[in-house]
Amino acid sequence: MLCLDKPKIDYPCPWHFKVIGLGRAEVAAAIAEVVGEAEHLVACANASSGGKYHSFNLELVVESESHRDRLYRELSACAVVRVVL
């Protein structure tokens, strides 16, 4: 039987995003703009063979589900960002 209940997450908690987009510097700048002054870790993970796409691992503490969702929406809305996981 398939269970579709949402997992219980206790906030605040560390959260990881994978952000993929066009141009290393541009994606890094977009992440910095969304995260602002919040303490976070960001690391460049991979680049496409042609160097057009770059992926980053972003880790930070989210305070609530709404905070996590807001970060996801704001990252996804950046023009240079193609995918947020």
PDB file of N, CA and C in Angstrom:
ATOM      1  N   MET A   1       0.838  -1.178   0.000  1.00  0.00           N
ATOM      2  CA  MET A   1       0.000   0.000   0.000  1.00  0.00           C
ATOM      3  C   MET A   1       0.885   1.245   0.000  1.00  0.00           C
ATOM      4  N   LEU A   2       0.538   2.204  -0.796  1.00  0.00           N
ATOM      5  CA  LEU A   2       1.298   3.443  -0.937  1.00  0.00           C
ATOM      6  C   LEU A   2       0.802   4.468   0.069  1.00  0.00           C
ATOM      7  N   CYS A   3       1.710   5.023   0.845  1.00  0.00           N
ATOM      8  CA  CYS A   3       1.363   6.027   1.851  1.00  0.00           C
ATOM      9  C   CYS A   3       1.727   7.409   1.301  1.00  0.00           C
ATOM     10  N   LEU A   4       0.743   8.284   1.219  1.00  0.00           N
ATOM     11  CA  LEU A   4       0.985   9.617   0.662  1.00  0.00           C
ATOM     12  C   LEU A   4       0.951  10.711   1.722  1.00  0.00           C
ATOM     13  N   ASP A   5       1.058  10.329   2.991  1.00  0.00           N
ATOM     14  CA  ASP A   5       1.089  11.316   4.063  1.00  0.00           C
ATOM     15  C   ASP A   5       2.388  12.112   4.004  1.00  0.00           C
ATOM     16  N   LYS A   6       2.288  13.393   4.343  1.00  0.00           N
ATOM     17  CA  LYS A   6       3.482  14.231   4.400  1.00  0.00           C
ATOM     18  C   LYS A   6       4.347  13.766   5.569  1.00  0.00           C
ATOM     19  N   PRO A   7       5.657  13.766   5.381  1.00  0.00           N
ATOM     20  CA  PRO A   7       6.528  13.410   6.502  1.00  0.00           C
ATOM     21  C   PRO A   7       6.480  14.494   7.574  1.00  0.00           C
ATOM     22  N   LYS A   8       6.666  14.104   8.802  1.00  0.00           N
ATOM     23  CA  LYS A   8       6.707  15.073   9.901  1.00  0.00           C
ATOM     24  C   LYS A   8       8.122  15.628   9.984  1.00  0.00           C
ATOM     25  N   ILE A   9       8.230  16.933   9.891  1.00  0.00           N
ATOM     26  CA  ILE A   9       9.521  17.609   9.958  1.00  0.00           C
ATOM     27  C   ILE A   9       9.489  18.534  11.161  1.00  0.00           C
ATOM     28  N   ASP A  10      10.470  18.405  12.018  1.00  0.00           N
ATOM     29  CA  ASP A  10      10.575  19.277  13.182  1.00  0.00           C
ATOM     30  C   ASP A  10      11.448  20.478  12.826  1.00  0.00           C
ATOM     31  N   TYR A  11      10.848  21.660  12.895  1.00  0.00           N
ATOM     32  CA  TYR A  11      11.550  22.910  12.583  1.00  0.00           C
ATOM     33  C   TYR A  11      11.972  23.587  13.872  1.00  0.00           C
ATOM     34  N   PRO A  12      13.049  24.373  13.829  1.00  0.00           N
ATOM     35  CA  PRO A  12      13.973  24.590  12.714  1.00  0.00           C
ATOM     36  C   PRO A  12      14.836  23.354  12.470  1.00  0.00           C
ATOM     37  N   CYS A  13      15.293  23.226  11.228  1.00  0.00           N
ATOM     38  CA  CYS A  13      16.131  22.089  10.867  1.00  0.00           C
ATOM     39  C   CYS A  13      17.012  22.446   9.672  1.00  0.00           C
ATOM     40  N   PRO A  14      18.137  21.729   9.517  1.00  0.00           N
ATOM     41  CA  PRO A  14      18.967  21.960   8.331  1.00  0.00           C
ATOM     42  C   PRO A  14      18.227  21.466   7.085  1.00  0.00           C
ATOM     43  N   TRP A  15      18.393  22.181   5.990  1.00  0.00           N
ATOM     44  CA  TRP A  15      17.740  21.792   4.741  1.00  0.00           C
ATOM     45  C   TRP A  15      18.739  21.934   3.612  1.00  0.00           C
ATOM     46  N   HIS A  16      18.628  21.040   2.635  1.00  0.00           N
ATOM     47  CA  HIS A  16      19.531  21.027   1.489  1.00  0.00           C
ATOM     48  C   HIS A  16      18.729  21.280   0.218  1.00  0.00           C
ATOM     49  N   PHE A  17      19.207  22.193  -0.595  1.00  0.00           N
ATOM     50  CA  PHE A  17      18.651  22.438  -1.915  1.00  0.00           C
ATOM     51  C   PHE A  17      19.741  22.147  -2.940  1.00  0.00           C
ATOM     52  N   LYS A  18      19.347  21.627  -4.080  1.00  0.00           N
ATOM     53  CA  LYS A  18      20.226  21.523  -5.247  1.00  0.00           C
ATOM     54  C   LYS A  18      19.697  22.566  -6.224  1.00  0.00           C
ATOM     55  N   VAL A  19      20.553  23.493  -6.635  1.00  0.00           N
ATOM     56  CA  VAL A  19      20.154  24.578  -7.528  1.00  0.00           C
ATOM     57  C   VAL A  19      20.963  24.437  -8.816  1.00  0.00           C
ATOM     58  N   ILE A  20      20.264  24.359  -9.943  1.00  0.00           N
ATOM     59  CA  ILE A  20      20.906  24.174 -11.247  1.00  0.00           C
ATOM     60  C   ILE A  20      20.506  25.331 -12.146  1.00  0.00           C
ATOM     61  N   GLY A  21      21.488  25.926 -12.814  1.00  0.00           N
ATOM     62  CA  GLY A  21      21.169  27.042 -13.687  1.00  0.00           C
ATOM     63  C   GLY A  21      22.271  27.385 -14.656  1.00  0.00           C
ATOM     64  N   LEU A  22      22.076  28.504 -15.318  1.00  0.00           N
ATOM     65  CA  LEU A  22      22.964  28.964 -16.385  1.00  0.00           C
ATOM     66  C   LEU A  22      24.051  29.879 -15.842  1.00  0.00           C
ATOM     67  N   GLY A  23      25.287  29.455 -15.979  1.00  0.00           N
ATOM     68  CA  GLY A  23      26.425  30.282 -15.592  1.00  0.00           C
ATOM     69  C   GLY A  23      26.771  30.185 -14.126  1.00  0.00           C
ATOM     70  N   ARG A  24      28.006  29.846 -13.848  1.00  0.00           N
ATOM     71  CA  ARG A  24      28.447  29.642 -12.465  1.00  0.00           C
ATOM     72  C   ARG A  24      28.287  30.903 -11.613  1.00  0.00           C
ATOM     73  N   ALA A  25      28.827  32.006 -12.074  1.00  0.00           N
ATOM     74  CA  ALA A  25      28.768  33.246 -11.298  1.00  0.00           C
ATOM     75  C   ALA A  25      27.333  33.742 -11.154  1.00  0.00           C
ATOM     76  N   GLU A  26      26.543  33.583 -12.205  1.00  0.00           N
ATOM     77  CA  GLU A  26      25.166  34.064 -12.183  1.00  0.00           C
ATOM     78  C   GLU A  26      24.302  33.279 -11.192  1.00  0.00           C
ATOM     79  N   VAL A  27      24.461  31.966 -11.168  1.00  0.00           N
ATOM     80  CA  VAL A  27      23.690  31.142 -10.232  1.00  0.00           C
ATOM     81  C   VAL A  27      24.136  31.414  -8.801  1.00  0.00           C
ATOM     82  N   ALA A  28      25.437  31.519  -8.593  1.00  0.00           N
ATOM     83  CA  ALA A  28      25.952  31.824  -7.253  1.00  0.00           C
ATOM     84  C   ALA A  28      25.409  33.164  -6.767  1.00  0.00           C
ATOM     85  N   ALA A  29      25.339  34.157  -7.638  1.00  0.00           N
ATOM     86  CA  ALA A  29      24.813  35.469  -7.265  1.00  0.00           C
ATOM     87  C   ALA A  29      23.324  35.396  -6.950  1.00  0.00           C
ATOM     88  N   ALA A  30      22.583  34.608  -7.707  1.00  0.00           N
ATOM     89  CA  ALA A  30      21.146  34.446  -7.455  1.00  0.00           C
ATOM     90  C   ALA A  30      20.905  33.803  -6.098  1.00  0.00           C
ATOM     91  N   ILE A  31      21.687  32.788  -5.773  1.00  0.00           N
ATOM     92  CA  ILE A  31      21.565  32.134  -4.466  1.00  0.00           C
ATOM     93  C   ILE A  31      21.859  33.133  -3.354  1.00  0.00           C
ATOM     94  N   ALA A  32      22.936  33.889  -3.499  1.00  0.00           N
ATOM     95  CA  ALA A  32      23.315  34.874  -2.482  1.00  0.00           C
ATOM     96  C   ALA A  32      22.221  35.919  -2.292  1.00  0.00           C
ATOM     97  N   GLU A  33      21.598  36.344  -3.375  1.00  0.00           N
ATOM     98  CA  GLU A  33      20.535  37.344  -3.283  1.00  0.00           C
ATOM     99  C   GLU A  33      19.321  36.806  -2.533  1.00  0.00           C
ATOM    100  N   VAL A  34      18.936  35.562  -2.808  1.00  0.00           N
ATOM    101  CA  VAL A  34      17.773  34.973  -2.144  1.00  0.00           C
ATOM    102  C   VAL A  34      18.061  34.697  -0.671  1.00  0.00           C
ATOM    103  N   VAL A  35      19.227  34.147  -0.380  1.00  0.00           N
ATOM    104  CA  VAL A  35      19.559  33.759   0.994  1.00  0.00           C
ATOM    105  C   VAL A  35      19.862  34.980   1.854  1.00  0.00           C
ATOM    106  N   GLY A  36      20.452  35.985   1.267  1.00  0.00           N
ATOM    107  CA  GLY A  36      20.757  37.205   2.007  1.00  0.00           C
ATOM    108  C   GLY A  36      21.788  36.970   3.089  1.00  0.00           C
ATOM    109  N   GLU A  37      21.525  37.500   4.270  1.00  0.00           N
ATOM    110  CA  GLU A  37      22.469  37.440   5.381  1.00  0.00           C
ATOM    111  C   GLU A  37      22.368  36.142   6.190  1.00  0.00           C
ATOM    112  N   ALA A  38      21.437  35.275   5.847  1.00  0.00           N
ATOM    113  CA  ALA A  38      21.265  34.029   6.603  1.00  0.00           C
ATOM    114  C   ALA A  38      22.530  33.174   6.505  1.00  0.00           C
ATOM    115  N   GLU A  39      22.890  32.547   7.612  1.00  0.00           N
ATOM    116  CA  GLU A  39      24.052  31.657   7.604  1.00  0.00           C
ATOM    117  C   GLU A  39      23.748  30.467   6.693  1.00  0.00           C
ATOM    118  N   HIS A  40      24.674  30.159   5.797  1.00  0.00           N
ATOM    119  CA  HIS A  40      24.451  29.071   4.852  1.00  0.00           C
ATOM    120  C   HIS A  40      25.787  28.571   4.305  1.00  0.00           C
ATOM    121  N   LEU A  41      25.739  27.394   3.721  1.00  0.00           N
ATOM    122  CA  LEU A  41      26.880  26.829   3.006  1.00  0.00           C
ATOM    123  C   LEU A  41      26.447  26.610   1.564  1.00  0.00           C
ATOM    124  N   VAL A  42      27.288  27.012   0.637  1.00  0.00           N
ATOM    125  CA  VAL A  42      26.995  26.789  -0.768  1.00  0.00           C
ATOM    126  C   VAL A  42      28.268  26.277  -1.431  1.00  0.00           C
ATOM    127  N   ALA A  43      28.099  25.238  -2.254  1.00  0.00           N
ATOM    128  CA  ALA A  43      29.261  24.654  -2.934  1.00  0.00           C
ATOM    129  C   ALA A  43      28.885  24.325  -4.371  1.00  0.00           C
ATOM    130  N   CYS A  44      29.766  24.658  -5.279  1.00  0.00           N
ATOM    131  CA  CYS A  44      29.569  24.294  -6.676  1.00  0.00           C
ATOM    132  C   CYS A  44      29.750  22.786  -6.777  1.00  0.00           C
ATOM    133  N   ALA A  45      28.774  22.107  -7.365  1.00  0.00           N
ATOM    134  CA  ALA A  45      28.811  20.643  -7.413  1.00  0.00           C
ATOM    135  C   ALA A  45      29.319  20.132  -8.762  1.00  0.00           C
ATOM    136  N   ASN A  46      28.643  20.463  -9.835  1.00  0.00           N
ATOM    137  CA  ASN A  46      28.992  19.950 -11.156  1.00  0.00           C
ATOM    138  C   ASN A  46      28.731  20.998 -12.222  1.00  0.00           C
ATOM    139  N   ALA A  47      29.303  20.764 -13.384  1.00  0.00           N
ATOM    140  CA  ALA A  47      29.030  21.593 -14.558  1.00  0.00           C
ATOM    141  C   ALA A  47      28.749  20.673 -15.730  1.00  0.00           C
ATOM    142  N   SER A  48      27.918  21.138 -16.644  1.00  0.00           N
ATOM    143  CA  SER A  48      27.642  20.348 -17.836  1.00  0.00           C
ATOM    144  C   SER A  48      28.908  20.256 -18.687  1.00  0.00           C
ATOM    145  N   SER A  49      28.928  19.320 -19.604  1.00  0.00           N
ATOM    146  CA  SER A  49      30.142  19.114 -20.414  1.00  0.00           C
ATOM    147  C   SER A  49      30.506  20.355 -21.218  1.00  0.00           C
ATOM    148  N   GLY A  50      29.523  21.138 -21.608  1.00  0.00           N
ATOM    149  CA  GLY A  50      29.798  22.365 -22.346  1.00  0.00           C
ATOM    150  C   GLY A  50      30.009  23.574 -21.459  1.00  0.00           C
ATOM    151  N   GLY A  51      29.818  23.404 -20.158  1.00  0.00           N
ATOM    152  CA  GLY A  51      30.026  24.496 -19.221  1.00  0.00           C
ATOM    153  C   GLY A  51      28.883  25.489 -19.130  1.00  0.00           C
ATOM    154  N   LYS A  52      27.757  25.182 -19.763  1.00  0.00           N
ATOM    155  CA  LYS A  52      26.622  26.105 -19.760  1.00  0.00           C
ATOM    156  C   LYS A  52      25.843  26.042 -18.444  1.00  0.00           C
ATOM    157  N   TYR A  53      25.653  24.833 -17.935  1.00  0.00           N
ATOM    158  CA  TYR A  53      24.863  24.635 -16.721  1.00  0.00           C
ATOM    159  C   TYR A  53      25.767  24.276 -15.543  1.00  0.00           C
ATOM    160  N   HIS A  54      25.421  24.824 -14.382  1.00  0.00           N
ATOM    161  CA  HIS A  54      26.170  24.550 -13.164  1.00  0.00           C
ATOM    162  C   HIS A  54      25.200  24.197 -12.061  1.00  0.00           C
ATOM    163  N   SER A  55      25.600  23.235 -11.227  1.00  0.00           N
ATOM    164  CA  SER A  55      24.757  22.882 -10.089  1.00  0.00           C
ATOM    165  C   SER A  55      25.484  23.235  -8.794  1.00  0.00           C
ATOM    166  N   PHE A  56      24.688  23.635  -7.820  1.00  0.00           N
ATOM    167  CA  PHE A  56      25.194  24.033  -6.520  1.00  0.00           C
ATOM    168  C   PHE A  56      24.434  23.290  -5.439  1.00  0.00           C
ATOM    169  N   ASN A  57      25.135  22.960  -4.362  1.00  0.00           N
ATOM    170  CA  ASN A  57      24.507  22.429  -3.160  1.00  0.00           C
ATOM    171  C   ASN A  57      24.402  23.580  -2.172  1.00  0.00           C
ATOM    172  N   LEU A  58      23.192  23.805  -1.695  1.00  0.00           N
ATOM    173  CA  LEU A  58      22.930  24.874  -0.736  1.00  0.00           C
ATOM    174  C   LEU A  58      22.392  24.247   0.541  1.00  0.00           C
ATOM    175  N   GLU A  59      23.016  24.570   1.658  1.00  0.00           N
ATOM    176  CA  GLU A  59      22.550  24.086   2.957  1.00  0.00           C
ATOM    177  C   GLU A  59      22.347  25.272   3.883  1.00  0.00           C
ATOM    178  N   LEU A  60      21.196  25.296   4.543  1.00  0.00           N
ATOM    179  CA  LEU A  60      20.896  26.321   5.517  1.00  0.00           C
ATOM    180  C   LEU A  60      19.817  25.815   6.460  1.00  0.00           C
ATOM    181  N   VAL A  61      19.603  26.538   7.527  1.00  0.00           N
ATOM    182  CA  VAL A  61      18.561  26.165   8.491  1.00  0.00           C
ATOM    183  C   VAL A  61      17.269  26.854   8.077  1.00  0.00           C
ATOM    184  N   VAL A  62      16.197  26.059   7.948  1.00  0.00           N
ATOM    185  CA  VAL A  62      14.881  26.632   7.678  1.00  0.00           C
ATOM    186  C   VAL A  62      14.084  26.639   8.972  1.00  0.00           C
ATOM    187  N   GLU A  63      13.368  27.720   9.190  1.00  0.00           N
ATOM    188  CA  GLU A  63      12.656  27.922  10.444  1.00  0.00           C
ATOM    189  C   GLU A  63      11.272  27.294  10.461  1.00  0.00           C
ATOM    190  N   SER A  64      10.684  27.104   9.271  1.00  0.00           N
ATOM    191  CA  SER A  64       9.324  26.583   9.184  1.00  0.00           C
ATOM    192  C   SER A  64       9.074  26.078   7.763  1.00  0.00           C
ATOM    193  N   GLU A  65       7.943  25.419   7.580  1.00  0.00           N
ATOM    194  CA  GLU A  65       7.577  24.959   6.244  1.00  0.00           C
ATOM    195  C   GLU A  65       7.381  26.143   5.304  1.00  0.00           C
ATOM    196  N   SER A  66       6.780  27.208   5.806  1.00  0.00           N
ATOM    197  CA  SER A  66       6.574  28.385   4.951  1.00  0.00           C
ATOM    198  C   SER A  66       7.905  29.024   4.561  1.00  0.00           C
ATOM    199  N   HIS A  67       8.881  29.028   5.460  1.00  0.00           N
ATOM    200  CA  HIS A  67      10.215  29.549   5.147  1.00  0.00           C
ATOM    201  C   HIS A  67      10.869  28.702   4.062  1.00  0.00           C
ATOM    202  N   ARG A  68      10.801  27.386   4.219  1.00  0.00           N
ATOM    203  CA  ARG A  68      11.365  26.463   3.227  1.00  0.00           C
ATOM    204  C   ARG A  68      10.709  26.658   1.866  1.00  0.00           C
ATOM    205  N   ASP A  69       9.374  26.751   1.845  1.00  0.00           N
ATOM    206  CA  ASP A  69       8.646  26.938   0.592  1.00  0.00           C
ATOM    207  C   ASP A  69       8.967  28.282  -0.051  1.00  0.00           C
ATOM    208  N   ARG A  70       9.115  29.321   0.770  1.00  0.00           N
ATOM    209  CA  ARG A  70       9.452  30.651   0.239  1.00  0.00           C
ATOM    210  C   ARG A  70      10.816  30.629  -0.430  1.00  0.00           C
ATOM    211  N   LEU A  71      11.795  30.001   0.210  1.00  0.00           N
ATOM    212  CA  LEU A  71      13.130  29.899  -0.393  1.00  0.00           C
ATOM    213  C   LEU A  71      13.063  29.152  -1.720  1.00  0.00           C
ATOM    214  N   TYR A  72      12.312  28.058  -1.747  1.00  0.00           N
ATOM    215  CA  TYR A  72      12.160  27.283  -2.988  1.00  0.00           C
ATOM    216  C   TYR A  72      11.552  28.148  -4.092  1.00  0.00           C
ATOM    217  N   ARG A  73      10.478  28.868  -3.776  1.00  0.00           N
ATOM    218  CA  ARG A  73       9.815  29.712  -4.773  1.00  0.00           C
ATOM    219  C   ARG A  73      10.741  30.826  -5.260  1.00  0.00           C
ATOM    220  N   GLU A  74      11.451  31.470  -4.341  1.00  0.00           N
ATOM    221  CA  GLU A  74      12.327  32.575  -4.736  1.00  0.00           C
ATOM    222  C   GLU A  74      13.512  32.087  -5.564  1.00  0.00           C
ATOM    223  N   LEU A  75      14.081  30.956  -5.197  1.00  0.00           N
ATOM    224  CA  LEU A  75      15.165  30.399  -6.005  1.00  0.00           C
ATOM    225  C   LEU A  75      14.658  30.017  -7.390  1.00  0.00           C
ATOM    226  N   SER A  76      13.509  29.370  -7.442  1.00  0.00           N
ATOM    227  CA  SER A  76      12.924  28.944  -8.719  1.00  0.00           C
ATOM    228  C   SER A  76      12.575  30.119  -9.629  1.00  0.00           C
ATOM    229  N   ALA A  77      12.255  31.271  -9.036  1.00  0.00           N
ATOM    230  CA  ALA A  77      11.853  32.443  -9.813  1.00  0.00           C
ATOM    231  C   ALA A  77      13.039  33.195 -10.422  1.00  0.00           C
ATOM    232  N   CYS A  78      14.248  32.892 -10.018  1.00  0.00           N
ATOM    233  CA  CYS A  78      15.429  33.574 -10.564  1.00  0.00           C
ATOM    234  C   CYS A  78      15.589  33.224 -12.045  1.00  0.00           C
ATOM    235  N   ALA A  79      15.834  34.224 -12.864  1.00  0.00           N
ATOM    236  CA  ALA A  79      15.918  34.044 -14.312  1.00  0.00           C
ATOM    237  C   ALA A  79      16.972  33.037 -14.735  1.00  0.00           C
ATOM    238  N   VAL A  80      18.110  32.972 -14.018  1.00  0.00           N
ATOM    239  CA  VAL A  80      19.192  32.066 -14.421  1.00  0.00           C
ATOM    240  C   VAL A  80      19.022  30.656 -13.872  1.00  0.00           C
ATOM    241  N   VAL A  81      18.100  30.466 -12.935  1.00  0.00           N
ATOM    242  CA  VAL A  81      17.900  29.157 -12.327  1.00  0.00           C
ATOM    243  C   VAL A  81      16.925  28.343 -13.165  1.00  0.00           C
ATOM    244  N   ARG A  82      17.299  27.100 -13.454  1.00  0.00           N
ATOM    245  CA  ARG A  82      16.451  26.212 -14.243  1.00  0.00           C
ATOM    246  C   ARG A  82      15.732  25.170 -13.393  1.00  0.00           C
ATOM    247  N   VAL A  83      16.402  24.674 -12.335  1.00  0.00           N
ATOM    248  CA  VAL A  83      15.831  23.616 -11.506  1.00  0.00           C
ATOM    249  C   VAL A  83      16.247  23.839 -10.055  1.00  0.00           C
ATOM    250  N   VAL A  84      15.293  23.635  -9.148  1.00  0.00           N
ATOM    251  CA  VAL A  84      15.595  23.616  -7.713  1.00  0.00           C
ATOM    252  C   VAL A  84      15.038  22.309  -7.169  1.00  0.00           C
ATOM    253  N   LEU A  85      15.892  21.546  -6.524  1.00  0.00           N
ATOM    254  CA  LEU A  85      15.472  20.279  -5.926  1.00  0.00           C
ATOM    255  C   LEU A  85      15.688  20.343  -4.428  1.00  0.00           C
TER     256      LEU A  85
END
